[in-house]
Amino acid sequence: MSNPIIELKWKNRTFNSTWLRTYKGFEDCPEEEAKKIVEQLQQLADIVCGHVQRIENERPDKKGF
C-alpha cells in the first residue's frame, strides 16, 4: 500500500551535488565529480524503478509486494 505523504515528500527532493556532499565520504568531493555521481545515481534509479514497475505489471495477481 502506498503512502501519499511519503510520496509527496520524495517528489519534492532535489538531488544534486550539494545533496550528495551531505553524506559521509562525499563531503570533500569536487563539484564536477559530484555532478557525475548524481547523474549516475539518477540513471540507476530510473533503471531500478522501470524494472520494478515492469515486474509489478507482469505479476498475475497484480496486488503488489
PDB file of N, CA and C in Angstrom:
ATOM      1  N   MET A   1       0.844  -1.172   0.000  1.00  0.00           N
ATOM      2  CA  MET A   1       0.000   0.000   0.000  1.00  0.00           C
ATOM      3  C   MET A   1       0.892   1.239   0.000  1.00  0.00           C
ATOM      4  N   SER A   2       0.515   2.207  -0.764  1.00  0.00           N
ATOM      5  CA  SER A   2       1.287   3.421  -0.937  1.00  0.00           C
ATOM      6  C   SER A   2       0.871   4.478   0.084  1.00  0.00           C
ATOM      7  N   ASN A   3       1.837   5.264   0.519  1.00  0.00           N
ATOM      8  CA  ASN A   3       1.559   6.346   1.452  1.00  0.00           C
ATOM      9  C   ASN A   3       1.768   7.666   0.720  1.00  0.00           C
ATOM     10  N   PRO A   4       0.674   8.405   0.403  1.00  0.00           N
ATOM     11  CA  PRO A   4       0.799   9.633  -0.386  1.00  0.00           C
ATOM     12  C   PRO A   4       1.662  10.702   0.278  1.00  0.00           C
ATOM     13  N   ILE A   5       1.702  10.743   1.598  1.00  0.00           N
ATOM     14  CA  ILE A   5       2.514  11.746   2.285  1.00  0.00           C
ATOM     15  C   ILE A   5       3.992  11.493   2.012  1.00  0.00           C
ATOM     16  N   ILE A   6       4.401  10.248   2.092  1.00  0.00           N
ATOM     17  CA  ILE A   6       5.797   9.905   1.825  1.00  0.00           C
ATOM     18  C   ILE A   6       6.127  10.166   0.365  1.00  0.00           C
ATOM     19  N   GLU A   7       5.242   9.791  -0.539  1.00  0.00           N
ATOM     20  CA  GLU A   7       5.489  10.008  -1.963  1.00  0.00           C
ATOM     21  C   GLU A   7       5.645  11.493  -2.265  1.00  0.00           C
ATOM     22  N   LEU A   8       4.809  12.338  -1.679  1.00  0.00           N
ATOM     23  CA  LEU A   8       4.894  13.770  -1.917  1.00  0.00           C
ATOM     24  C   LEU A   8       6.225  14.310  -1.411  1.00  0.00           C
ATOM     25  N   LYS A   9       6.656  13.858  -0.245  1.00  0.00           N
ATOM     26  CA  LYS A   9       7.927  14.305   0.304  1.00  0.00           C
ATOM     27  C   LYS A   9       9.064  13.969  -0.655  1.00  0.00           C
ATOM     28  N   TRP A  10       9.080  12.759  -1.191  1.00  0.00           N
ATOM     29  CA  TRP A  10      10.150  12.364  -2.100  1.00  0.00           C
ATOM     30  C   TRP A  10      10.082  13.118  -3.419  1.00  0.00           C
ATOM     31  N   LYS A  11       8.895  13.439  -3.885  1.00  0.00           N
ATOM     32  CA  LYS A  11       8.768  14.154  -5.154  1.00  0.00           C
ATOM     33  C   LYS A  11       9.376  15.548  -5.060  1.00  0.00           C
ATOM     34  N   ASN A  12       9.419  16.116  -3.869  1.00  0.00           N
ATOM     35  CA  ASN A  12       9.942  17.465  -3.692  1.00  0.00           C
ATOM     36  C   ASN A  12      11.437  17.501  -3.388  1.00  0.00           C
ATOM     37  N   ARG A  13      12.097  16.364  -3.395  1.00  0.00           N
ATOM     38  CA  ARG A  13      13.526  16.315  -3.085  1.00  0.00           C
ATOM     39  C   ARG A  13      14.338  16.777  -4.289  1.00  0.00           C
ATOM     40  N   THR A  14      15.442  17.450  -4.001  1.00  0.00           N
ATOM     41  CA  THR A  14      16.375  17.867  -5.034  1.00  0.00           C
ATOM     42  C   THR A  14      17.654  17.069  -4.859  1.00  0.00           C
ATOM     43  N   PHE A  15      18.008  16.325  -5.877  1.00  0.00           N
ATOM     44  CA  PHE A  15      19.212  15.513  -5.826  1.00  0.00           C
ATOM     45  C   PHE A  15      20.263  16.167  -6.715  1.00  0.00           C
ATOM     46  N   ASN A  16      21.248  16.780  -6.071  1.00  0.00           N
ATOM     47  CA  ASN A  16      22.310  17.457  -6.804  1.00  0.00           C
ATOM     48  C   ASN A  16      23.629  17.284  -6.062  1.00  0.00           C
ATOM     49  N   SER A  17      24.659  17.964  -6.511  1.00  0.00           N
ATOM     50  CA  SER A  17      25.978  17.809  -5.901  1.00  0.00           C
ATOM     51  C   SER A  17      25.986  18.280  -4.449  1.00  0.00           C
ATOM     52  N   THR A  18      25.213  19.292  -4.132  1.00  0.00           N
ATOM     53  CA  THR A  18      25.118  19.769  -2.744  1.00  0.00           C
ATOM     54  C   THR A  18      24.516  18.688  -1.863  1.00  0.00           C
ATOM     55  N   TRP A  19      23.448  18.059  -2.333  1.00  0.00           N
ATOM     56  CA  TRP A  19      22.806  16.961  -1.600  1.00  0.00           C
ATOM     57  C   TRP A  19      23.801  15.821  -1.384  1.00  0.00           C
ATOM     58  N   LEU A  20      24.543  15.445  -2.427  1.00  0.00           N
ATOM     59  CA  LEU A  20      25.479  14.329  -2.329  1.00  0.00           C
ATOM     60  C   LEU A  20      26.537  14.591  -1.264  1.00  0.00           C
ATOM     61  N   ARG A  21      27.011  15.829  -1.191  1.00  0.00           N
ATOM     62  CA  ARG A  21      28.083  16.146  -0.249  1.00  0.00           C
ATOM     63  C   ARG A  21      27.617  16.193   1.206  1.00  0.00           C
ATOM     64  N   THR A  22      26.338  15.968   1.457  1.00  0.00           N
ATOM     65  CA  THR A  22      25.865  15.873   2.844  1.00  0.00           C
ATOM     66  C   THR A  22      26.108  14.481   3.410  1.00  0.00           C
ATOM     67  N   TYR A  23      26.520  13.534   2.572  1.00  0.00           N
ATOM     68  CA  TYR A  23      26.745  12.160   3.015  1.00  0.00           C
ATOM     69  C   TYR A  23      28.216  11.926   3.348  1.00  0.00           C
ATOM     70  N   LYS A  24      28.429  11.129   4.390  1.00  0.00           N
ATOM     71  CA  LYS A  24      29.775  10.799   4.850  1.00  0.00           C
ATOM     72  C   LYS A  24      30.577  10.183   3.698  1.00  0.00           C
ATOM     73  N   GLY A  25      31.765  10.699   3.518  1.00  0.00           N
ATOM     74  CA  GLY A  25      32.635  10.216   2.459  1.00  0.00           C
ATOM     75  C   GLY A  25      32.570  11.068   1.201  1.00  0.00           C
ATOM     76  N   PHE A  26      31.548  11.894   1.078  1.00  0.00           N
ATOM     77  CA  PHE A  26      31.399  12.749  -0.105  1.00  0.00           C
ATOM     78  C   PHE A  26      31.555  14.232   0.231  1.00  0.00           C
ATOM     79  N   GLU A  27      31.872  14.554   1.484  1.00  0.00           N
ATOM     80  CA  GLU A  27      31.943  15.956   1.917  1.00  0.00           C
ATOM     81  C   GLU A  27      32.930  16.776   1.094  1.00  0.00           C
ATOM     82  N   ASP A  28      34.046  16.193   0.728  1.00  0.00           N
ATOM     83  CA  ASP A  28      35.094  16.915   0.005  1.00  0.00           C
ATOM     84  C   ASP A  28      35.142  16.564  -1.477  1.00  0.00           C
ATOM     85  N   CYS A  29      34.097  15.969  -1.975  1.00  0.00           N
ATOM     86  CA  CYS A  29      34.036  15.564  -3.380  1.00  0.00           C
ATOM     87  C   CYS A  29      34.005  16.816  -4.270  1.00  0.00           C
ATOM     88  N   PRO A  30      34.877  16.890  -5.271  1.00  0.00           N
ATOM     89  CA  PRO A  30      34.865  18.046  -6.179  1.00  0.00           C
ATOM     90  C   PRO A  30      33.510  18.180  -6.901  1.00  0.00           C
ATOM     91  N   GLU A  31      33.144  19.394  -7.213  1.00  0.00           N
ATOM     92  CA  GLU A  31      31.840  19.706  -7.822  1.00  0.00           C
ATOM     93  C   GLU A  31      31.561  18.870  -9.072  1.00  0.00           C
ATOM     94  N   GLU A  32      32.502  18.831  -9.992  1.00  0.00           N
ATOM     95  CA  GLU A  32      32.283  18.099 -11.244  1.00  0.00           C
ATOM     96  C   GLU A  32      32.108  16.603 -11.003  1.00  0.00           C
ATOM     97  N   GLU A  33      32.914  16.050 -10.115  1.00  0.00           N
ATOM     98  CA  GLU A  33      32.795  14.627  -9.803  1.00  0.00           C
ATOM     99  C   GLU A  33      31.450  14.342  -9.128  1.00  0.00           C
ATOM    100  N   ALA A  34      31.042  15.234  -8.232  1.00  0.00           N
ATOM    101  CA  ALA A  34      29.758  15.068  -7.543  1.00  0.00           C
ATOM    102  C   ALA A  34      28.605  15.103  -8.544  1.00  0.00           C
ATOM    103  N   LYS A  35      28.676  15.991  -9.516  1.00  0.00           N
ATOM    104  CA  LYS A  35      27.628  16.064 -10.541  1.00  0.00           C
ATOM    105  C   LYS A  35      27.547  14.761 -11.335  1.00  0.00           C
ATOM    106  N   LYS A  36      28.704  14.199 -11.685  1.00  0.00           N
ATOM    107  CA  LYS A  36      28.727  12.938 -12.435  1.00  0.00           C
ATOM    108  C   LYS A  36      28.139  11.799 -11.610  1.00  0.00           C
ATOM    109  N   ILE A  37      28.478  11.762 -10.327  1.00  0.00           N
ATOM    110  CA  ILE A  37      27.963  10.708  -9.454  1.00  0.00           C
ATOM    111  C   ILE A  37      26.452  10.822  -9.319  1.00  0.00           C
ATOM    112  N   VAL A  38      25.944  12.036  -9.141  1.00  0.00           N
ATOM    113  CA  VAL A  38      24.495  12.239  -9.024  1.00  0.00           C
ATOM    114  C   VAL A  38      23.805  11.807 -10.312  1.00  0.00           C
ATOM    115  N   GLU A  39      24.385  12.135 -11.451  1.00  0.00           N
ATOM    116  CA  GLU A  39      23.806  11.719 -12.735  1.00  0.00           C
ATOM    117  C   GLU A  39      23.760  10.194 -12.838  1.00  0.00           C
ATOM    118  N   GLN A  40      24.829   9.529 -12.418  1.00  0.00           N
ATOM    119  CA  GLN A  40      24.859   8.066 -12.445  1.00  0.00           C
ATOM    120  C   GLN A  40      23.812   7.479 -11.498  1.00  0.00           C
ATOM    121  N   LEU A  41      23.657   8.086 -10.329  1.00  0.00           N
ATOM    122  CA  LEU A  41      22.646   7.613  -9.376  1.00  0.00           C
ATOM    123  C   LEU A  41      21.234   7.787  -9.940  1.00  0.00           C
ATOM    124  N   GLN A  42      20.994   8.898 -10.641  1.00  0.00           N
ATOM    125  CA  GLN A  42      19.681   9.121 -11.247  1.00  0.00           C
ATOM    126  C   GLN A  42      19.408   8.098 -12.347  1.00  0.00           C
ATOM    127  N   GLN A  43      20.421   7.774 -13.128  1.00  0.00           N
ATOM    128  CA  GLN A  43      20.262   6.756 -14.168  1.00  0.00           C
ATOM    129  C   GLN A  43      19.971   5.395 -13.552  1.00  0.00           C
ATOM    130  N   LEU A  44      20.678   5.064 -12.486  1.00  0.00           N
ATOM    131  CA  LEU A  44      20.438   3.801 -11.790  1.00  0.00           C
ATOM    132  C   LEU A  44      19.026   3.759 -11.217  1.00  0.00           C
ATOM    133  N   ALA A  45      18.589   4.861 -10.623  1.00  0.00           N
ATOM    134  CA  ALA A  45      17.235   4.920 -10.063  1.00  0.00           C
ATOM    135  C   ALA A  45      16.190   4.723 -11.156  1.00  0.00           C
ATOM    136  N   ASP A  46      16.403   5.310 -12.325  1.00  0.00           N
ATOM    137  CA  ASP A  46      15.468   5.133 -13.441  1.00  0.00           C
ATOM    138  C   ASP A  46      15.392   3.672 -13.866  1.00  0.00           C
ATOM    139  N   ILE A  47      16.542   3.015 -13.922  1.00  0.00           N
ATOM    140  CA  ILE A  47      16.576   1.601 -14.309  1.00  0.00           C
ATOM    141  C   ILE A  47      15.841   0.750 -13.287  1.00  0.00           C
ATOM    142  N   VAL A  48      16.138   0.966 -12.011  1.00  0.00           N
ATOM    143  CA  VAL A  48      15.515   0.172 -10.945  1.00  0.00           C
ATOM    144  C   VAL A  48      14.010   0.408 -10.910  1.00  0.00           C
ATOM    145  N   CYS A  49      13.583   1.664 -10.979  1.00  0.00           N
ATOM    146  CA  CYS A  49      12.145   1.965 -10.947  1.00  0.00           C
ATOM    147  C   CYS A  49      11.431   1.351 -12.146  1.00  0.00           C
ATOM    148  N   GLY A  50      12.042   1.459 -13.319  1.00  0.00           N
ATOM    149  CA  GLY A  50      11.448   0.858 -14.509  1.00  0.00           C
ATOM    150  C   GLY A  50      11.323  -0.647 -14.375  1.00  0.00           C
ATOM    151  N   HIS A  51      12.344  -1.275 -13.820  1.00  0.00           N
ATOM    152  CA  HIS A  51      12.316  -2.724 -13.623  1.00  0.00           C
ATOM    153  C   HIS A  51      11.214  -3.114 -12.644  1.00  0.00           C
ATOM    154  N   VAL A  52      11.135  -2.413 -11.524  1.00  0.00           N
ATOM    155  CA  VAL A  52      10.115  -2.728 -10.511  1.00  0.00           C
ATOM    156  C   VAL A  52       8.716  -2.540 -11.093  1.00  0.00           C
ATOM    157  N   GLN A  53       8.499  -1.460 -11.834  1.00  0.00           N
ATOM    158  CA  GLN A  53       7.183  -1.222 -12.431  1.00  0.00           C
ATOM    159  C   GLN A  53       6.852  -2.295 -13.461  1.00  0.00           C
ATOM    160  N   ARG A  54       7.823  -2.686 -14.260  1.00  0.00           N
ATOM    161  CA  ARG A  54       7.602  -3.705 -15.284  1.00  0.00           C
ATOM    162  C   ARG A  54       7.271  -5.046 -14.633  1.00  0.00           C
ATOM    163  N   ILE A  55       8.045  -5.429 -13.629  1.00  0.00           N
ATOM    164  CA  ILE A  55       7.806  -6.690 -12.925  1.00  0.00           C
ATOM    165  C   ILE A  55       6.448  -6.654 -12.240  1.00  0.00           C
ATOM    166  N   GLU A  56       6.109  -5.528 -11.635  1.00  0.00           N
ATOM    167  CA  GLU A  56       4.822  -5.399 -10.940  1.00  0.00           C
ATOM    168  C   GLU A  56       3.663  -5.572 -11.923  1.00  0.00           C
ATOM    169  N   ASN A  57       3.789  -5.007 -13.109  1.00  0.00           N
ATOM    170  CA  ASN A  57       2.721  -5.123 -14.107  1.00  0.00           C
ATOM    171  C   ASN A  57       2.625  -6.527 -14.693  1.00  0.00           C
ATOM    172  N   GLU A  58       3.702  -7.300 -14.614  1.00  0.00           N
ATOM    173  CA  GLU A  58       3.703  -8.658 -15.156  1.00  0.00           C
ATOM    174  C   GLU A  58       3.199  -9.691 -14.159  1.00  0.00           C
ATOM    175  N   ARG A  59       3.057  -9.307 -12.899  1.00  0.00           N
ATOM    176  CA  ARG A  59       2.597 -10.260 -11.881  1.00  0.00           C
ATOM    177  C   ARG A  59       1.161 -10.669 -12.172  1.00  0.00           C
ATOM    178  N   PRO A  60       0.861 -11.956 -12.078  1.00  0.00           N
ATOM    179  CA  PRO A  60      -0.507 -12.416 -12.347  1.00  0.00           C
ATOM    180  C   PRO A  60      -1.521 -11.887 -11.335  1.00  0.00           C
ATOM    181  N   ASP A  61      -1.124 -11.729 -10.078  1.00  0.00           N
ATOM    182  CA  ASP A  61      -2.079 -11.255  -9.071  1.00  0.00           C
ATOM    183  C   ASP A  61      -2.152  -9.727  -9.028  1.00  0.00           C
ATOM    184  N   LYS A  62      -1.092  -9.039  -9.472  1.00  0.00           N
ATOM    185  CA  LYS A  62      -1.017  -7.573  -9.515  1.00  0.00           C
ATOM    186  C   LYS A  62      -1.445  -6.917  -8.207  1.00  0.00           C
ATOM    187  N   LYS A  63      -1.152  -7.560  -7.096  1.00  0.00           N
ATOM    188  CA  LYS A  63      -1.502  -6.994  -5.797  1.00  0.00           C
ATOM    189  C   LYS A  63      -0.338  -6.244  -5.168  1.00  0.00           C
ATOM    190  N   GLY A  64       0.813  -6.290  -5.737  1.00  0.00           N
ATOM    191  CA  GLY A  64       1.966  -5.613  -5.157  1.00  0.00           C
ATOM    192  C   GLY A  64       2.829  -6.564  -4.373  1.00  0.00           C
ATOM    193  N   PHE A  65       3.797  -6.009  -3.722  1.00  0.00           N
ATOM    194  CA  PHE A  65       4.765  -6.823  -2.991  1.00  0.00           C
ATOM    195  C   PHE A  65       4.225  -7.250  -1.670  1.00  0.00           C
TER     196      PHE A  65
END
